[in-house]
Amino acid sequence: MTTNRFARHPTFMYLLYDVIQRRKSALGNSLLVKRGDYQVVQNIISSLTHQQLIAAAQSLRLTQTTSDPAIATLRCAIQTVAARVPNSFAEKQDMRLHIRALFVEFGPAAFWLTINPSDLRDPLVVKLAGITLPQDGFDRANVIIRRKTANMNPAAIAVFFHKVCTGVLEALISPAEGEIGIFGEVSTYFGVVETNGRGMLHLHCLIWLVGNLDFFDLRGKLLNDPEFARQMIDYLESIISEHIDAYETDERSDPMSFSSTQDFETDEAYVDALQRYGNEVASKRQMHSESHNSTCFKYSKKGIRECRFYFPRPIVETSHIDELGVAHLRRDNEWVNPFNPWIAATFALFHQSVYYSSKTQHRMPCSLRWVQRQYQSFVYLDL
């Protein structure tokens, strides 16, 4: 996969994926055959009639359940085989069970994170593809080369996406044992990868913090303990931003580049420059289009055009806790996506971060909802 011969081949990727699916399916079959009750299971499945299958399908369609024990045995056998097959419904059922187990063990998740690296703009994609851009080349020509590389080299895109997400999760979110991430001490996280219409990869992720509170205890402390509420607002404002500071920026500057740490005399100067850079990245990467786009309305009913991302969002003059115990952070722009300034400054990518302070806010993101319903796959970080 490191050579252009295979990385850019039009059908090799599909052939490789088919081989992986066959191997995973064979593993599931071998596990089923080695079970002590395999002969009994085989006899039950062989005895099923066409009428039983039709009746079971109708029952599942109407009630999502079936009372036929033979059908239950069949479904269990299918689950054993298919759970190892990538992107199968059975695998998504296992993912759903995994998420539920995490909620039981660690309580409600604190953050929902979406990571969406820009594969068309990032120069790292070109380097991973083994292409060197001329230093004296025209900017427009370099942009065209980047786009051509991203569209013609899916292997480089996959490696780029993996390195960026690994960097965010292992360096910033949940670093090595004994170190604290940008959100605090993380107990665990769970994420799944999705693609959009053109195949662009993005990650949705739930993050759990150590010392988590359930929603009722959290709301009670936010409403009845002013000092705790103040500390919570200070904490959220330190990791989530819903406003763009009015720094003077060069509209022609490249948001993918930042000066070396050697160019700063003090740590304070570096941190200040990093914050300004993160703000500049956010002003170009975190803004929802005021004219919206097709994905904003893809779930809308006929005649109703409501943005599924709830933009434009209301202006919030000051951060506060409302009478329901829900945290509202200062927002000076109706179109800015919530973001973490350190992720923006470090990776110059689009992302969303959301903190859940109520059960209503903790609605299942679309990809997680797919896992929950067993029909699609999962990943979101809304700060």
Protein backbone atom coordinates (compact mmCIF):
# COMPACT_ATOMS: atom_id res chain seq x y z
CA MET A 1 0.00 0.00 0.00
CA THR A 2 3.06 2.27 0.21
CA THR A 3 3.55 2.21 -3.57
CA ASN A 4 1.56 4.32 -5.99
CA ARG A 5 0.91 1.21 -8.07
CA PHE A 6 -1.62 -0.07 -5.51
CA ALA A 7 -2.50 3.15 -3.68
CA ARG A 8 -3.96 4.67 -6.84
CA HIS A 9 -5.33 1.49 -8.43
CA PRO A 10 -9.07 1.90 -9.30
CA THR A 11 -10.18 -1.57 -8.14
CA PHE A 12 -7.48 -2.97 -5.84
CA MET A 13 -9.00 -1.37 -2.73
CA TYR A 14 -12.34 -3.07 -3.37
CA LEU A 15 -10.65 -6.42 -3.97
CA LEU A 16 -8.69 -6.09 -0.73
CA TYR A 17 -11.82 -5.17 1.23
CA ASP A 18 -13.64 -8.18 -0.22
CA VAL A 19 -10.80 -10.46 0.93
CA ILE A 20 -10.98 -8.98 4.44
CA GLN A 21 -14.75 -9.54 4.58
CA ARG A 22 -14.37 -13.15 3.44
CA ARG A 23 -11.72 -13.85 6.07
CA LYS A 24 -13.79 -12.29 8.83
CA SER A 25 -16.86 -14.24 7.74
CA ALA A 26 -14.81 -17.46 7.68
CA LEU A 27 -13.71 -16.75 11.25
CA GLY A 28 -17.33 -16.39 12.36
CA ASN A 29 -18.27 -19.64 10.59
CA SER A 30 -15.41 -21.50 12.26
CA LEU A 31 -16.53 -20.30 15.69
CA LEU A 32 -20.09 -21.43 14.98
CA VAL A 33 -19.02 -24.88 13.77
CA LYS A 34 -16.82 -25.46 16.83
CA ARG A 35 -19.67 -24.87 19.26
CA GLY A 36 -20.91 -27.93 21.12
CA ASP A 37 -24.53 -27.35 20.07
CA TYR A 38 -23.73 -26.85 16.39
CA GLN A 39 -25.55 -30.01 15.26
CA VAL A 40 -28.70 -28.97 17.13
CA VAL A 41 -28.50 -25.46 15.65
CA GLN A 42 -28.01 -26.91 12.18
CA ASN A 43 -31.08 -29.14 12.53
CA ILE A 44 -33.24 -26.24 13.74
CA ILE A 45 -32.16 -23.98 10.87
CA SER A 46 -32.71 -26.78 8.34
CA SER A 47 -36.26 -27.29 9.60
CA LEU A 48 -37.32 -23.69 8.93
CA THR A 49 -39.98 -23.24 6.25
CA HIS A 50 -40.66 -20.39 3.86
CA GLN A 51 -43.86 -19.55 5.76
CA GLN A 52 -41.95 -19.23 9.05
CA LEU A 53 -39.47 -16.83 7.50
CA ILE A 54 -42.23 -14.68 5.96
CA ALA A 55 -44.14 -14.58 9.27
CA ALA A 56 -40.97 -13.66 11.18
CA ALA A 57 -40.16 -10.86 8.71
CA GLN A 58 -43.66 -9.39 9.08
CA SER A 59 -43.51 -9.63 12.87
CA LEU A 60 -40.12 -7.93 13.01
CA ARG A 61 -41.31 -5.20 10.67
CA LEU A 62 -44.39 -4.44 12.78
CA THR A 63 -43.24 -5.14 16.35
CA GLN A 64 -39.43 -5.57 16.07
CA THR A 65 -39.83 -8.90 17.90
CA THR A 66 -40.66 -12.51 17.06
CA SER A 67 -41.89 -15.33 19.28
CA ASP A 68 -40.67 -18.22 17.09
CA PRO A 69 -37.78 -19.99 18.96
CA ALA A 70 -36.39 -21.37 15.67
CA ILE A 71 -36.11 -17.84 14.28
CA ALA A 72 -34.35 -16.77 17.49
CA THR A 73 -31.82 -19.58 16.98
CA LEU A 74 -31.28 -18.49 13.37
CA ARG A 75 -30.71 -14.87 14.37
CA CYS A 76 -28.22 -15.92 17.05
CA ALA A 77 -26.25 -17.98 14.50
CA ILE A 78 -26.23 -15.08 12.03
CA GLN A 79 -24.99 -12.75 14.78
CA THR A 80 -22.11 -15.12 15.56
CA VAL A 81 -20.99 -15.17 11.93
CA ALA A 82 -21.70 -11.56 10.92
CA ALA A 83 -20.44 -9.80 14.07
CA ARG A 84 -16.88 -10.08 12.73
CA VAL A 85 -17.74 -8.78 9.25
CA PRO A 86 -16.91 -5.05 8.81
CA ASN A 87 -19.96 -2.78 8.41
CA SER A 88 -22.46 -5.59 8.91
CA PHE A 89 -25.62 -4.99 10.95
CA ALA A 90 -24.35 -7.54 13.46
CA GLU A 91 -21.14 -5.58 13.97
CA LYS A 92 -23.18 -2.46 14.61
CA GLN A 93 -25.23 -4.37 17.17
CA ASP A 94 -21.99 -5.21 18.96
CA MET A 95 -21.00 -1.54 18.83
CA ARG A 96 -24.36 -0.60 20.34
CA LEU A 97 -23.84 -3.06 23.19
CA HIS A 98 -20.34 -1.66 23.73
CA ILE A 99 -21.69 1.89 24.03
CA ARG A 100 -24.38 0.80 26.48
CA ALA A 101 -21.76 -1.00 28.57
CA LEU A 102 -19.68 2.19 28.72
CA PHE A 103 -22.72 4.14 29.94
CA VAL A 104 -23.28 1.53 32.65
CA GLU A 105 -19.63 1.57 33.76
CA PHE A 106 -18.76 5.26 33.42
CA GLY A 107 -22.12 7.04 33.49
CA PRO A 108 -23.26 9.64 30.94
CA ALA A 109 -20.64 10.88 28.47
CA ALA A 110 -19.39 14.42 29.07
CA PHE A 111 -18.42 15.47 25.54
CA TRP A 112 -19.37 14.73 21.98
CA LEU A 113 -16.52 15.35 19.49
CA THR A 114 -16.52 15.50 15.70
CA ILE A 115 -13.17 15.57 13.88
CA ASN A 116 -13.27 16.46 10.20
CA PRO A 117 -9.74 16.87 8.73
CA SER A 118 -9.47 18.84 5.50
CA ASP A 119 -7.89 16.34 3.12
CA LEU A 120 -8.13 18.75 0.16
CA ARG A 121 -6.09 21.49 1.84
CA ASP A 122 -3.63 19.88 4.23
CA PRO A 123 -0.03 19.70 2.88
CA LEU A 124 0.55 16.53 4.94
CA VAL A 125 -1.55 14.59 2.40
CA VAL A 126 0.87 15.54 -0.36
CA LYS A 127 3.87 14.45 1.74
CA LEU A 128 2.26 11.11 2.62
CA ALA A 129 1.62 10.55 -1.09
CA GLY A 130 5.35 11.03 -1.78
CA ILE A 131 4.94 14.27 -3.72
CA THR A 132 7.17 17.31 -3.18
CA LEU A 133 5.68 20.71 -3.97
CA PRO A 134 8.10 23.27 -5.45
CA GLN A 135 8.99 26.02 -3.00
CA ASP A 136 8.76 28.65 -5.75
CA GLY A 137 5.53 27.27 -7.22
CA PHE A 138 2.41 29.36 -7.70
CA ASP A 139 -0.15 29.08 -4.90
CA ARG A 140 -2.94 28.19 -7.32
CA ALA A 141 -0.85 25.43 -8.89
CA ASN A 142 -0.07 23.98 -5.44
CA VAL A 143 -3.78 23.99 -4.56
CA ILE A 144 -4.56 22.05 -7.75
CA ILE A 145 -1.84 19.50 -6.95
CA ARG A 146 -3.21 19.03 -3.43
CA ARG A 147 -6.74 18.43 -4.72
CA LYS A 148 -5.55 16.03 -7.42
CA THR A 149 -3.54 14.10 -4.85
CA ALA A 150 -6.48 13.86 -2.43
CA ASN A 151 -8.86 12.67 -5.15
CA MET A 152 -6.48 10.15 -6.74
CA ASN A 153 -4.73 8.64 -3.70
CA PRO A 154 -7.25 7.23 -1.17
CA ALA A 155 -4.47 5.35 0.65
CA ALA A 156 -2.69 8.63 1.50
CA ILE A 157 -6.01 10.10 2.66
CA ALA A 158 -6.66 7.12 4.96
CA VAL A 159 -3.15 7.34 6.47
CA PHE A 160 -3.54 11.11 6.91
CA PHE A 161 -6.92 10.72 8.62
CA HIS A 162 -5.58 8.00 10.93
CA LYS A 163 -2.56 10.08 11.98
CA VAL A 164 -4.63 13.22 12.63
CA CYS A 165 -7.29 11.41 14.70
CA THR A 166 -4.65 9.44 16.60
CA GLY A 167 -2.81 12.69 17.33
CA VAL A 168 -5.96 14.41 18.64
CA LEU A 169 -7.08 11.47 20.79
CA GLU A 170 -3.71 10.28 22.13
CA ALA A 171 -1.89 13.61 22.44
CA LEU A 172 -4.63 16.12 23.33
CA ILE A 173 -7.69 14.23 24.60
CA SER A 174 -6.34 11.19 26.47
CA PRO A 175 -2.52 11.31 26.71
CA ALA A 176 -0.26 8.82 28.46
CA GLU A 177 -1.09 7.65 31.98
CA GLY A 178 -0.35 10.32 34.57
CA GLU A 179 -0.91 13.21 32.14
CA ILE A 180 -4.00 15.42 31.83
CA GLY A 181 -5.64 16.17 28.47
CA ILE A 182 -7.14 19.42 27.28
CA PHE A 183 -10.57 18.46 28.71
CA GLY A 184 -9.18 17.16 32.00
CA GLU A 185 -8.70 13.57 33.14
CA VAL A 186 -10.44 11.27 30.65
CA SER A 187 -11.65 7.84 31.74
CA THR A 188 -12.43 6.49 28.26
CA TYR A 189 -13.72 7.42 24.81
CA PHE A 190 -15.58 5.68 21.98
CA GLY A 191 -15.57 6.73 18.34
CA VAL A 192 -16.62 5.56 14.89
CA VAL A 193 -15.62 6.71 11.41
CA GLU A 194 -18.07 7.87 8.73
CA THR A 195 -17.76 9.16 5.18
CA ASN A 196 -19.71 11.86 3.39
CA GLY A 197 -20.99 11.76 -0.19
CA ARG A 198 -17.58 12.04 -1.82
CA GLY A 199 -15.94 9.64 0.63
CA MET A 200 -14.34 12.21 2.96
CA LEU A 201 -13.58 10.61 6.31
CA HIS A 202 -14.69 12.13 9.61
CA LEU A 203 -14.84 10.88 13.19
CA HIS A 204 -17.59 11.11 15.83
CA CYS A 205 -16.56 10.40 19.41
CA LEU A 206 -18.04 10.29 22.93
CA ILE A 207 -15.71 11.22 25.80
CA TRP A 208 -16.10 10.31 29.47
CA LEU A 209 -14.38 12.25 32.29
CA VAL A 210 -13.13 10.89 35.61
CA GLY A 211 -15.43 11.78 38.53
CA ASN A 212 -18.47 12.01 36.26
CA LEU A 213 -21.86 13.02 37.72
CA ASP A 214 -25.23 11.79 36.53
CA PHE A 215 -27.55 14.41 35.04
CA PHE A 216 -29.75 14.83 38.10
CA ASP A 217 -26.83 15.36 40.52
CA LEU A 218 -25.13 17.70 38.05
CA ARG A 219 -28.25 19.79 37.55
CA GLY A 220 -28.86 19.97 41.30
CA LYS A 221 -25.32 21.25 41.96
CA LEU A 222 -25.53 23.76 39.11
CA LEU A 223 -28.82 25.17 40.42
CA ASN A 224 -28.11 25.09 44.16
CA ASP A 225 -24.36 25.73 44.44
CA PRO A 226 -23.35 29.13 42.97
CA GLU A 227 -19.63 28.47 43.46
CA PHE A 228 -19.86 25.14 41.64
CA ALA A 229 -21.83 26.80 38.82
CA ARG A 230 -19.16 29.53 38.52
CA GLN A 231 -16.37 26.95 38.39
CA MET A 232 -18.27 24.98 35.77
CA ILE A 233 -18.66 28.08 33.57
CA ASP A 234 -14.95 28.88 33.97
CA TYR A 235 -14.07 25.30 33.03
CA LEU A 236 -16.31 25.23 29.95
CA GLU A 237 -15.08 28.62 28.75
CA SER A 238 -11.49 27.36 28.99
CA ILE A 239 -12.13 24.43 26.61
CA ILE A 240 -15.08 25.50 24.42
CA SER A 241 -15.44 28.66 22.39
CA GLU A 242 -18.53 29.88 20.55
CA HIS A 243 -17.17 33.27 19.53
CA ILE A 244 -14.45 34.64 17.26
CA ASP A 245 -12.18 37.28 18.77
CA ALA A 246 -11.63 40.38 16.66
CA TYR A 247 -7.91 39.94 16.04
CA GLU A 248 -6.39 41.64 13.01
CA THR A 249 -5.66 38.86 10.54
CA ASP A 250 -4.34 38.69 7.01
CA GLU A 251 -7.10 37.39 4.74
CA ARG A 252 -4.44 35.99 2.39
CA SER A 253 -2.59 34.07 5.11
CA ASP A 254 -2.43 30.29 4.97
CA PRO A 255 -4.40 28.80 7.91
CA MET A 256 -2.47 25.54 7.51
CA SER A 257 0.88 27.05 8.58
CA PHE A 258 2.24 28.34 11.90
CA SER A 259 5.63 29.65 12.98
CA SER A 260 8.16 27.35 14.66
CA THR A 261 8.44 27.44 18.45
CA GLN A 262 12.01 28.67 17.95
CA ASP A 263 10.64 31.98 16.62
CA PHE A 264 9.34 33.00 20.10
CA GLU A 265 11.48 34.34 22.92
CA THR A 266 9.18 33.27 25.78
CA ASP A 267 6.54 30.62 26.44
CA GLU A 268 3.98 33.37 27.05
CA ALA A 269 4.60 34.83 23.60
CA TYR A 270 4.20 31.40 22.04
CA VAL A 271 0.92 30.69 23.88
CA ASP A 272 -0.47 34.11 22.90
CA ALA A 273 0.47 33.54 19.25
CA LEU A 274 -1.03 30.03 19.37
CA GLN A 275 -4.33 31.41 20.68
CA ARG A 276 -4.39 34.02 17.93
CA TYR A 277 -3.64 31.36 15.35
CA GLY A 278 -6.40 29.10 16.70
CA ASN A 279 -8.81 32.05 16.49
CA GLU A 280 -7.75 32.71 12.88
CA VAL A 281 -8.24 29.03 11.98
CA ALA A 282 -11.70 29.09 13.59
CA SER A 283 -12.69 32.18 11.61
CA LYS A 284 -12.03 30.23 8.39
CA ARG A 285 -12.88 26.64 9.38
CA GLN A 286 -15.62 26.83 12.02
CA MET A 287 -18.17 29.03 10.29
CA HIS A 288 -21.43 27.47 9.13
CA SER A 289 -22.47 28.70 5.69
CA GLU A 290 -25.12 31.42 5.94
CA SER A 291 -26.66 30.07 2.73
CA HIS A 292 -26.55 26.53 4.17
CA ASN A 293 -25.91 23.52 1.93
CA SER A 294 -27.76 20.40 0.86
CA THR A 295 -26.76 18.34 3.91
CA CYS A 296 -28.48 20.88 6.20
CA PHE A 297 -31.88 19.81 4.90
CA LYS A 298 -31.38 16.18 3.89
CA TYR A 299 -33.72 14.96 6.67
CA SER A 300 -36.29 17.74 6.25
CA LYS A 301 -39.84 16.87 5.29
CA LYS A 302 -41.32 18.24 2.10
CA GLY A 303 -42.14 21.93 2.40
CA ILE A 304 -40.12 22.35 5.62
CA ARG A 305 -36.60 23.79 5.46
CA GLU A 306 -35.05 23.72 8.90
CA CYS A 307 -31.28 23.38 9.29
CA ARG A 308 -30.62 20.13 11.15
CA PHE A 309 -27.59 21.78 12.79
CA TYR A 310 -29.87 24.49 14.28
CA PHE A 311 -28.19 27.42 12.52
CA PRO A 312 -28.45 30.31 12.92
CA ARG A 313 -28.12 29.93 16.69
CA PRO A 314 -29.17 32.67 19.14
CA ILE A 315 -26.65 35.22 20.42
CA VAL A 316 -25.68 34.77 24.10
CA GLU A 317 -24.34 37.95 25.73
CA THR A 318 -22.69 36.27 28.74
CA SER A 319 -22.07 32.69 29.80
CA HIS A 320 -24.62 31.51 32.37
CA ILE A 321 -26.61 28.62 33.85
CA ASP A 322 -30.33 28.89 33.13
CA GLU A 323 -33.24 27.94 35.40
CA LEU A 324 -33.17 24.35 34.07
CA GLY A 325 -29.52 23.86 34.94
CA VAL A 326 -28.32 24.05 31.32
CA ALA A 327 -25.02 25.82 30.60
CA HIS A 328 -25.02 28.50 27.89
CA LEU A 329 -21.66 29.86 26.73
CA ARG A 330 -21.08 33.33 25.35
CA ARG A 331 -21.82 33.48 21.62
CA ASP A 332 -21.29 36.61 19.52
CA ASN A 333 -21.89 35.04 16.12
CA GLU A 334 -24.96 33.13 14.97
CA TRP A 335 -22.98 30.97 12.53
CA VAL A 336 -19.88 29.79 14.43
CA ASN A 337 -19.59 26.09 15.34
CA PRO A 338 -18.46 25.42 18.93
CA PHE A 339 -14.74 24.62 18.90
CA ASN A 340 -11.73 23.98 21.11
CA PRO A 341 -9.03 26.62 20.46
CA TRP A 342 -6.19 24.17 21.12
CA ILE A 343 -7.43 21.59 18.64
CA ALA A 344 -7.97 24.38 16.11
CA ALA A 345 -4.45 25.73 16.64
CA THR A 346 -2.74 22.35 16.68
CA PHE A 347 -4.36 20.66 13.68
CA ALA A 348 -6.05 23.53 11.77
CA LEU A 349 -9.12 21.37 11.10
CA PHE A 350 -12.89 21.61 11.42
CA HIS A 351 -14.25 20.03 14.59
CA GLN A 352 -17.17 20.39 16.98
CA SER A 353 -17.19 20.07 20.75
CA VAL A 354 -20.34 19.85 22.88
CA TYR A 355 -20.68 19.47 26.65
CA TYR A 356 -23.75 17.57 27.90
CA SER A 357 -25.27 19.17 31.01
CA SER A 358 -28.79 17.76 30.63
CA LYS A 359 -30.57 14.65 29.37
CA THR A 360 -32.16 16.73 26.59
CA GLN A 361 -28.74 17.83 25.34
CA HIS A 362 -27.54 14.24 25.51
CA ARG A 363 -29.58 13.25 22.48
CA MET A 364 -27.97 10.53 20.41
CA PRO A 365 -25.89 11.93 17.52
CA CYS A 366 -26.89 10.74 14.06
CA SER A 367 -24.08 8.17 13.69
CA LEU A 368 -24.55 6.85 17.21
CA ARG A 369 -28.25 6.68 16.56
CA TRP A 370 -27.48 4.46 13.58
CA VAL A 371 -25.68 2.05 15.89
CA GLN A 372 -28.57 2.28 18.34
CA ARG A 373 -31.05 1.30 15.64
CA GLN A 374 -28.70 -1.36 14.20
CA TYR A 375 -29.01 0.03 10.69
CA GLN A 376 -26.04 2.33 10.13
CA SER A 377 -22.60 3.20 11.59
CA PHE A 378 -20.99 5.77 14.14
CA VAL A 379 -18.76 9.48 15.44
CA TYR A 380 -19.22 13.92 17.17
CA LEU A 381 -17.40 16.37 19.62
CA ASP A 382 -19.57 19.39 20.26
CA LEU A 383 -17.89 21.67 22.78
